[in-house]
Amino acid sequence: MRNQTLFAALAFFLMAITGSLAGNPALAAMPAGQGEASMDELKDDADEDSVADTAKEEQGETEKDSVLRAARQVYLGQIRFDENAFDFGRIKRGEKLSHRFIFKNIGKGPLKVQGVHASCGCTAAEVNTDKEYAPQDSGAVDITFDTTDFNGSVVKTVTVMTNERQVPDRTLSIRAIVVSEFEVTPPLADFGQLLSQNGGTQQIFIKALPGQKFVIEKIRFNAEALQVSSSAKDGGYLLNIELKKNVTPGFLKETIHVKNNSKSLPELRLPVRATIRGNIEIEPRYLEFGAISPTDKSSRSVTVTGLQEFEIKNVRMDLNLNGAKIKDTSTLLKVNPVSTDKLKKLIALDLMNKTEKAGSVHGRLFIETTDPQQKEIPVDFYAFFR
């Protein structure tokens, strides 16, 4: 009888919240007086079981709580955006662009936006992940885009992750045609792969486009790794870039800052890239663990190869969840050395979602070795905790 009572209460509640109690065909076909008898029966059973209900309340869940929880499991929210894409048109390089995407919960239950993930670091997206949106509630995803390092047609995407069951992830996109006042050839100094003891040289030519004037005022760079000089040539500037010898092995990521007379882009950033080889190489240099559900894990592996014998002493990590540093990461990462070859090691990694919050995860693994030149090798990674 008690199970039948709970089932009847659940059915009555669900019909009420969906607006189908009045005019429901099943109720219309019900014999006269049956509905009243069911409600009286509920009342009698409630009186008879008051002691049991009190015990339940002490345990933290009443029958009403149980019905509400069941209703939440039946109905979830559904997100709908007013627009899924936005075109900024032609803009000057260096401008900071922003746009707000409005959404509404068109579902019958609560909607949670668990997080957002931009396709690159030049794009930022913000949304209130703490709020629970009731049916018909509205919200917004704010997107900003820095055009400083772009030229020509650009398209960027942002993934919005929700608690929906059927389509939990939605994609928003922005596009623009970025117009620069000057031409940079090539757009970056890419040294490719080289040995640490060799170093290397690259050149970049900067010239103003017709009707524009470009004047270099100052050049800033990391003097520990680079040496940069400029000279006038064909109405522009030729930059001579030297990568110094014996730079620490690994992936080199530097930037040359060219201060100039442009109003929209007063500081031109020129990327410098190189893969500097030492005694030990790691593949891959970046890991994507993807989306990880609560209490679940995602597995990846890293191959470490040496030119001479070496050992891996330890693997640790730094991790930021939604921009906040996680102090204790000991339960989140499991490291399993698979092979013990003298010149090649395979490390299996399990990243586990054992946090109480959902959101974007940015982190870095540090692989500690016995090599005197490469005592600790960093590997960046990304994940999303649902």
Protein backbone atom coordinates (compact mmCIF):
# COMPACT_ATOMS: atom_id res chain seq x y z
CA MET A 1 0.00 0.00 0.00
CA ARG A 2 2.82 2.38 0.90
CA ASN A 3 4.54 1.88 -2.49
CA GLN A 4 1.24 2.48 -4.25
CA THR A 5 0.80 5.68 -2.23
CA LEU A 6 4.23 6.97 -3.21
CA PHE A 7 3.60 6.07 -6.87
CA ALA A 8 0.27 7.93 -6.84
CA ALA A 9 1.87 11.00 -5.24
CA LEU A 10 4.67 10.96 -7.81
CA ALA A 11 2.21 10.69 -10.71
CA PHE A 12 0.07 13.50 -9.28
CA PHE A 13 3.13 15.77 -8.83
CA LEU A 14 4.52 15.13 -12.32
CA MET A 15 1.17 15.88 -13.95
CA ALA A 16 0.89 19.08 -11.94
CA ILE A 17 4.33 20.45 -12.91
CA THR A 18 3.77 19.70 -16.62
CA GLY A 19 0.44 21.49 -16.62
CA SER A 20 -1.46 18.35 -17.63
CA LEU A 21 -3.47 17.69 -14.48
CA ALA A 22 -6.49 19.58 -15.78
CA GLY A 23 -7.91 18.05 -18.91
CA ASN A 24 -5.73 14.93 -18.76
CA PRO A 25 -7.44 12.17 -20.84
CA ALA A 26 -6.61 9.52 -18.29
CA LEU A 27 -8.22 11.53 -15.50
CA ALA A 28 -11.22 12.35 -17.66
CA ALA A 29 -11.84 8.64 -18.16
CA MET A 30 -11.54 7.89 -14.46
CA PRO A 31 -14.78 6.75 -12.78
CA ALA A 32 -16.58 9.38 -10.73
CA GLY A 33 -15.28 9.69 -7.24
CA GLN A 34 -12.12 7.67 -7.93
CA GLY A 35 -9.91 10.73 -7.78
CA GLU A 36 -11.40 11.83 -4.46
CA ALA A 37 -11.05 8.35 -3.00
CA SER A 38 -7.37 8.27 -3.98
CA MET A 39 -6.73 11.57 -2.22
CA ASP A 40 -8.57 10.40 0.93
CA GLU A 41 -6.54 7.23 0.80
CA LEU A 42 -3.34 9.29 0.64
CA LYS A 43 -4.48 11.29 3.67
CA ASP A 44 -5.33 8.15 5.69
CA ASP A 45 -2.02 6.53 4.83
CA ALA A 46 -0.17 9.71 5.80
CA ASP A 47 -1.85 9.66 9.24
CA GLU A 48 -1.09 5.98 9.74
CA ASP A 49 2.58 6.37 8.80
CA SER A 50 3.33 9.63 10.64
CA VAL A 51 5.83 7.89 12.89
CA ALA A 52 7.67 6.39 9.92
CA ASP A 53 7.64 9.76 8.13
CA THR A 54 9.20 11.43 11.16
CA ALA A 55 11.96 8.85 11.12
CA LYS A 56 12.52 9.56 7.43
CA GLU A 57 12.76 13.28 8.09
CA GLU A 58 15.42 12.59 10.66
CA GLN A 59 17.33 10.69 7.96
CA GLY A 60 17.29 13.79 5.77
CA GLU A 61 14.69 12.79 3.13
CA THR A 62 10.88 12.98 3.31
CA GLU A 63 8.46 11.55 0.77
CA LYS A 64 8.13 15.04 -0.72
CA ASP A 65 11.91 15.23 -1.09
CA SER A 66 11.87 11.86 -2.80
CA VAL A 67 9.16 12.99 -5.25
CA LEU A 68 11.05 16.19 -6.04
CA ARG A 69 14.24 14.26 -6.61
CA ALA A 70 12.43 11.86 -8.93
CA ALA A 71 10.96 14.79 -10.84
CA ARG A 72 14.43 16.27 -11.31
CA GLN A 73 15.58 12.95 -12.75
CA VAL A 74 12.66 12.90 -15.17
CA TYR A 75 13.03 16.48 -16.43
CA LEU A 76 16.15 18.47 -17.19
CA GLY A 77 16.60 21.82 -18.85
CA GLN A 78 17.27 22.48 -22.51
CA ILE A 79 19.40 25.37 -23.72
CA ARG A 80 18.52 27.44 -26.78
CA PHE A 81 20.64 30.36 -28.03
CA ASP A 82 19.19 33.36 -29.86
CA GLU A 83 22.14 32.95 -32.26
CA ASN A 84 24.96 30.44 -32.60
CA ALA A 85 27.36 32.59 -34.65
CA PHE A 86 28.40 36.22 -34.93
CA ASP A 87 30.39 38.05 -37.63
CA PHE A 88 32.39 41.14 -36.58
CA GLY A 89 33.16 42.00 -40.21
CA ARG A 90 36.37 43.89 -41.09
CA ILE A 91 38.33 45.13 -38.07
CA LYS A 92 41.84 46.48 -37.48
CA ARG A 93 44.48 44.15 -36.12
CA GLY A 94 45.02 44.79 -32.41
CA GLU A 95 41.38 45.44 -31.53
CA LYS A 96 39.79 43.60 -28.60
CA LEU A 97 36.36 42.29 -29.67
CA SER A 98 33.48 41.18 -27.45
CA HIS A 99 30.02 39.72 -28.00
CA ARG A 100 27.25 38.37 -25.76
CA PHE A 101 25.34 35.22 -26.73
CA ILE A 102 21.91 35.10 -25.01
CA PHE A 103 20.30 31.75 -24.15
CA LYS A 104 17.06 30.54 -22.58
CA ASN A 105 16.11 27.35 -20.77
CA ILE A 106 13.24 25.98 -22.90
CA GLY A 107 13.12 22.66 -21.07
CA LYS A 108 10.78 21.49 -18.30
CA GLY A 109 13.47 21.13 -15.65
CA PRO A 110 16.53 22.92 -14.24
CA LEU A 111 19.45 23.82 -16.53
CA LYS A 112 23.08 23.97 -15.40
CA VAL A 113 25.86 25.40 -17.55
CA GLN A 114 28.80 23.34 -16.35
CA GLY A 115 31.53 25.21 -18.21
CA VAL A 116 32.85 26.73 -21.44
CA HIS A 117 35.94 25.89 -23.49
CA ALA A 118 37.48 28.23 -26.08
CA SER A 119 39.34 26.87 -29.10
CA CYS A 120 42.49 28.89 -28.30
CA GLY A 121 44.00 31.19 -25.68
CA CYS A 122 43.21 34.28 -27.78
CA THR A 123 39.50 33.75 -27.04
CA ALA A 124 37.95 33.98 -23.58
CA ALA A 125 34.42 32.93 -22.58
CA GLU A 126 32.56 33.64 -19.35
CA VAL A 127 29.29 32.25 -17.99
CA ASN A 128 27.69 31.84 -14.56
CA THR A 129 28.33 28.19 -13.69
CA ASP A 130 26.97 28.55 -10.14
CA LYS A 131 23.42 29.43 -11.17
CA GLU A 132 20.65 26.92 -11.80
CA TYR A 133 18.35 28.21 -14.55
CA ALA A 134 14.67 27.40 -14.04
CA PRO A 135 12.41 26.82 -17.08
CA GLN A 136 12.15 30.02 -19.18
CA ASP A 137 15.08 31.63 -17.33
CA SER A 138 17.65 33.41 -19.52
CA GLY A 139 21.41 33.75 -19.27
CA ALA A 140 24.42 34.79 -21.32
CA VAL A 141 27.82 33.62 -22.51
CA ASP A 142 30.25 36.54 -22.93
CA ILE A 143 33.04 36.03 -25.47
CA THR A 144 36.09 38.24 -26.00
CA PHE A 145 38.63 37.89 -28.81
CA ASP A 146 42.10 39.47 -29.00
CA THR A 147 43.08 40.07 -32.64
CA THR A 148 46.68 41.08 -31.88
CA ASP A 149 48.25 37.92 -33.30
CA PHE A 150 45.97 37.48 -36.33
CA ASN A 151 45.68 38.66 -39.89
CA GLY A 152 43.07 37.88 -42.57
CA SER A 153 39.95 35.73 -42.15
CA VAL A 154 39.62 34.25 -38.64
CA VAL A 155 37.04 31.87 -37.14
CA LYS A 156 37.03 30.91 -33.46
CA THR A 157 34.72 28.54 -31.56
CA VAL A 158 33.55 28.14 -27.97
CA THR A 159 32.01 24.93 -26.60
CA VAL A 160 29.27 25.34 -23.98
CA MET A 161 28.77 22.26 -21.75
CA THR A 162 25.46 21.73 -19.93
CA ASN A 163 23.62 19.06 -17.94
CA GLU A 164 21.40 18.14 -20.89
CA ARG A 165 21.21 14.43 -21.64
CA GLN A 166 20.70 14.32 -25.41
CA VAL A 167 22.85 17.28 -26.57
CA PRO A 168 25.00 18.35 -23.59
CA ASP A 169 27.52 20.35 -25.65
CA ARG A 170 26.73 23.32 -27.91
CA THR A 171 29.14 25.24 -30.17
CA LEU A 172 29.24 29.01 -30.62
CA SER A 173 31.40 30.67 -33.28
CA ILE A 174 32.70 34.14 -34.05
CA ARG A 175 34.41 35.33 -37.22
CA ALA A 176 36.20 38.43 -38.42
CA ILE A 177 38.41 39.72 -41.21
CA VAL A 178 41.46 41.19 -39.49
CA VAL A 179 43.16 43.97 -41.46
CA SER A 180 46.77 44.88 -40.62
CA GLU A 181 48.59 48.15 -41.31
CA PHE A 182 51.79 46.36 -42.26
CA GLU A 183 53.02 43.13 -43.77
CA VAL A 184 55.19 40.68 -41.81
CA THR A 185 57.10 38.03 -43.76
CA PRO A 186 57.23 35.37 -42.39
CA PRO A 187 54.75 35.99 -39.53
CA LEU A 188 56.98 34.18 -37.02
CA ALA A 189 60.55 32.94 -36.58
CA ASP A 190 60.35 29.15 -36.74
CA PHE A 191 63.70 27.43 -36.18
CA GLY A 192 62.22 23.94 -36.43
CA GLN A 193 64.22 21.18 -34.75
CA LEU A 194 67.85 21.78 -33.83
CA LEU A 195 70.47 20.58 -31.39
CA SER A 196 70.99 22.67 -28.28
CA GLN A 197 74.73 23.05 -28.93
CA ASN A 198 74.20 24.44 -32.46
CA GLY A 199 71.86 27.44 -32.12
CA GLY A 200 70.47 29.07 -35.31
CA THR A 201 69.46 32.25 -37.19
CA GLN A 202 66.21 33.54 -38.77
CA GLN A 203 65.06 36.78 -40.48
CA ILE A 204 61.72 38.63 -40.53
CA PHE A 205 60.87 41.52 -42.88
CA ILE A 206 58.32 44.16 -41.78
CA LYS A 207 56.92 46.66 -44.30
CA ALA A 208 54.02 49.13 -44.13
CA LEU A 209 51.13 48.60 -46.56
CA PRO A 210 50.34 51.34 -49.16
CA GLY A 211 49.09 54.51 -47.47
CA GLN A 212 50.55 53.49 -44.09
CA LYS A 213 53.77 54.38 -42.30
CA PHE A 214 55.63 51.99 -40.00
CA VAL A 215 58.41 53.11 -37.65
CA ILE A 216 60.14 50.86 -35.08
CA GLU A 217 60.67 52.66 -31.77
CA LYS A 218 61.97 49.85 -29.55
CA ILE A 219 62.51 46.06 -29.57
CA ARG A 220 62.20 43.85 -26.47
CA PHE A 221 63.19 40.14 -26.24
CA ASN A 222 64.56 37.49 -23.89
CA ALA A 223 68.31 38.10 -24.01
CA GLU A 224 69.05 34.73 -22.35
CA ALA A 225 67.79 32.85 -25.41
CA LEU A 226 67.80 35.41 -28.27
CA GLN A 227 69.75 38.22 -29.85
CA VAL A 228 67.73 40.56 -32.15
CA SER A 229 68.85 43.47 -34.32
CA SER A 230 67.09 45.52 -37.05
CA SER A 231 68.18 47.36 -40.19
CA ALA A 232 66.33 49.50 -42.77
CA LYS A 233 65.58 47.78 -46.09
CA ASP A 234 63.30 48.60 -49.06
CA GLY A 235 61.15 51.02 -47.08
CA GLY A 236 60.78 48.57 -44.18
CA TYR A 237 62.82 46.80 -41.53
CA LEU A 238 64.76 43.54 -41.61
CA LEU A 239 65.00 41.79 -38.23
CA ASN A 240 67.93 39.43 -37.70
CA ILE A 241 67.11 36.87 -35.00
CA GLU A 242 69.75 34.64 -33.45
CA LEU A 243 68.91 31.68 -31.23
CA LYS A 244 71.77 31.27 -28.80
CA LYS A 245 73.66 28.02 -28.24
CA ASN A 246 73.12 25.69 -25.30
CA VAL A 247 69.54 26.83 -24.62
CA THR A 248 67.65 24.38 -22.37
CA PRO A 249 66.26 21.48 -24.45
CA GLY A 250 62.52 21.35 -25.04
CA PHE A 251 59.91 23.35 -26.91
CA LEU A 252 61.05 26.98 -27.09
CA LYS A 253 58.26 29.56 -27.05
CA GLU A 254 59.49 33.15 -27.04
CA THR A 255 58.06 36.49 -28.23
CA ILE A 256 59.76 39.53 -29.74
CA HIS A 257 57.93 42.77 -28.86
CA VAL A 258 58.28 45.50 -31.51
CA LYS A 259 57.09 48.88 -30.23
CA ASN A 260 55.98 51.07 -33.17
CA ASN A 261 53.91 54.10 -34.26
CA SER A 262 50.65 52.22 -35.00
CA LYS A 263 47.56 53.39 -33.05
CA SER A 264 45.65 50.10 -33.23
CA LEU A 265 48.69 47.86 -32.70
CA PRO A 266 51.41 49.88 -30.89
CA GLU A 267 53.25 46.70 -29.92
CA LEU A 268 53.68 44.07 -32.63
CA ARG A 269 54.30 40.59 -31.21
CA LEU A 270 56.46 38.23 -33.25
CA PRO A 271 56.43 34.59 -32.06
CA VAL A 272 59.66 32.60 -31.95
CA ARG A 273 59.38 28.81 -31.98
CA ALA A 274 61.90 25.97 -31.89
CA THR A 275 62.15 22.35 -30.80
CA ILE A 276 65.54 22.13 -29.13
CA ARG A 277 66.84 18.60 -28.88
CA GLY A 278 68.88 17.36 -25.96
CA ASN A 279 69.67 13.89 -24.70
CA ILE A 280 65.98 13.18 -23.96
CA GLU A 281 62.90 13.71 -26.13
CA ILE A 282 59.22 13.44 -25.17
CA GLU A 283 56.22 12.66 -27.40
CA PRO A 284 53.65 14.16 -27.28
CA ARG A 285 54.46 17.53 -25.77
CA TYR A 286 50.78 18.30 -25.09
CA LEU A 287 47.97 16.05 -23.84
CA GLU A 288 44.20 16.34 -24.25
CA PHE A 289 42.35 14.21 -21.68
CA GLY A 290 38.90 15.34 -22.89
CA ALA A 291 35.76 15.47 -20.73
CA ILE A 292 35.80 13.31 -17.59
CA SER A 293 32.65 12.43 -15.64
CA PRO A 294 32.59 12.39 -11.80
CA THR A 295 34.58 9.45 -10.29
CA ASP A 296 35.66 8.48 -13.82
CA LYS A 297 39.12 8.65 -15.41
CA SER A 298 40.78 9.35 -18.77
CA SER A 299 43.97 7.56 -19.85
CA ARG A 300 46.84 8.86 -21.98
CA SER A 301 50.50 7.94 -22.46
CA VAL A 302 53.83 9.70 -22.97
CA THR A 303 56.92 8.23 -24.66
CA VAL A 304 60.30 9.32 -23.31
CA THR A 305 63.34 8.55 -25.50
CA GLY A 306 67.02 9.13 -24.64
CA LEU A 307 70.26 9.16 -26.60
CA GLN A 308 71.92 7.49 -23.61
CA GLU A 309 70.74 5.52 -20.59
CA PHE A 310 68.48 7.36 -18.14
CA GLU A 311 65.85 6.72 -15.50
CA ILE A 312 62.56 8.42 -14.62
CA LYS A 313 62.67 9.36 -10.95
CA ASN A 314 59.23 10.91 -10.49
CA VAL A 315 56.16 12.41 -12.20
CA ARG A 316 54.19 15.20 -10.57
CA MET A 317 51.69 17.80 -11.76
CA ASP A 318 50.33 21.29 -11.25
CA LEU A 319 46.61 21.67 -11.89
CA ASN A 320 44.22 24.63 -12.12
CA LEU A 321 40.45 24.12 -12.07
CA ASN A 322 38.54 27.14 -13.43
CA GLY A 323 41.67 29.21 -12.88
CA ALA A 324 42.10 28.20 -9.22
CA LYS A 325 45.12 26.12 -8.21
CA ILE A 326 44.38 22.68 -6.72
CA LYS A 327 46.80 22.18 -3.83
CA ASP A 328 46.47 18.42 -3.32
CA THR A 329 46.62 16.54 -6.63
CA SER A 330 47.81 13.23 -5.19
CA THR A 331 44.45 11.49 -5.76
CA LEU A 332 43.88 12.91 -9.25
CA LEU A 333 46.84 11.45 -11.15
CA LYS A 334 47.96 7.84 -11.38
CA VAL A 335 51.29 7.09 -13.09
CA ASN A 336 52.09 3.64 -14.46
CA PRO A 337 55.54 3.10 -16.02
CA VAL A 338 54.87 0.48 -18.72
CA SER A 339 58.31 -0.20 -20.18
CA THR A 340 61.74 -0.26 -18.52
CA ASP A 341 63.91 -0.08 -21.64
CA LYS A 342 67.23 1.69 -21.01
CA LEU A 343 66.72 4.23 -23.83
CA LYS A 344 62.92 4.37 -24.13
CA LYS A 345 60.22 4.62 -21.49
CA LEU A 346 56.43 4.53 -21.93
CA ILE A 347 54.47 6.23 -19.15
CA ALA A 348 50.73 5.49 -18.82
CA LEU A 349 48.76 8.28 -17.12
CA ASP A 350 45.28 8.18 -15.58
CA LEU A 351 43.66 11.55 -14.80
CA MET A 352 40.73 11.07 -12.40
CA ASN A 353 37.82 13.40 -11.68
CA LYS A 354 37.66 13.30 -7.89
CA THR A 355 36.84 16.95 -7.28
CA GLU A 356 33.54 18.43 -6.14
CA LYS A 357 33.43 21.09 -8.88
CA ALA A 358 33.02 20.95 -12.65
CA GLY A 359 34.96 23.08 -15.10
CA SER A 360 38.04 23.61 -17.26
CA VAL A 361 41.28 21.97 -16.19
CA HIS A 362 44.65 23.35 -17.26
CA GLY A 363 47.76 21.67 -15.97
CA ARG A 364 51.35 20.66 -16.46
CA LEU A 365 53.12 17.37 -15.85
CA PHE A 366 56.72 17.43 -14.67
CA ILE A 367 58.75 14.33 -15.57
CA GLU A 368 61.87 14.14 -13.40
CA THR A 369 64.83 12.26 -14.95
CA THR A 370 68.42 11.37 -14.08
CA ASP A 371 69.78 13.37 -17.04
CA PRO A 372 71.90 16.29 -15.70
CA GLN A 373 70.79 18.67 -18.50
CA GLN A 374 67.09 17.75 -18.44
CA LYS A 375 66.38 17.10 -14.80
CA GLU A 376 62.68 17.97 -15.12
CA ILE A 377 60.74 17.99 -18.40
CA PRO A 378 57.31 19.75 -18.58
CA VAL A 379 54.28 18.45 -20.52
CA ASP A 380 51.16 20.66 -20.70
CA PHE A 381 47.67 19.12 -20.65
CA TYR A 382 43.99 20.04 -20.73
CA ALA A 383 40.80 18.34 -19.52
CA PHE A 384 37.25 19.15 -18.50
CA PHE A 385 35.68 17.86 -15.28
CA ARG A 386 31.93 17.33 -15.64
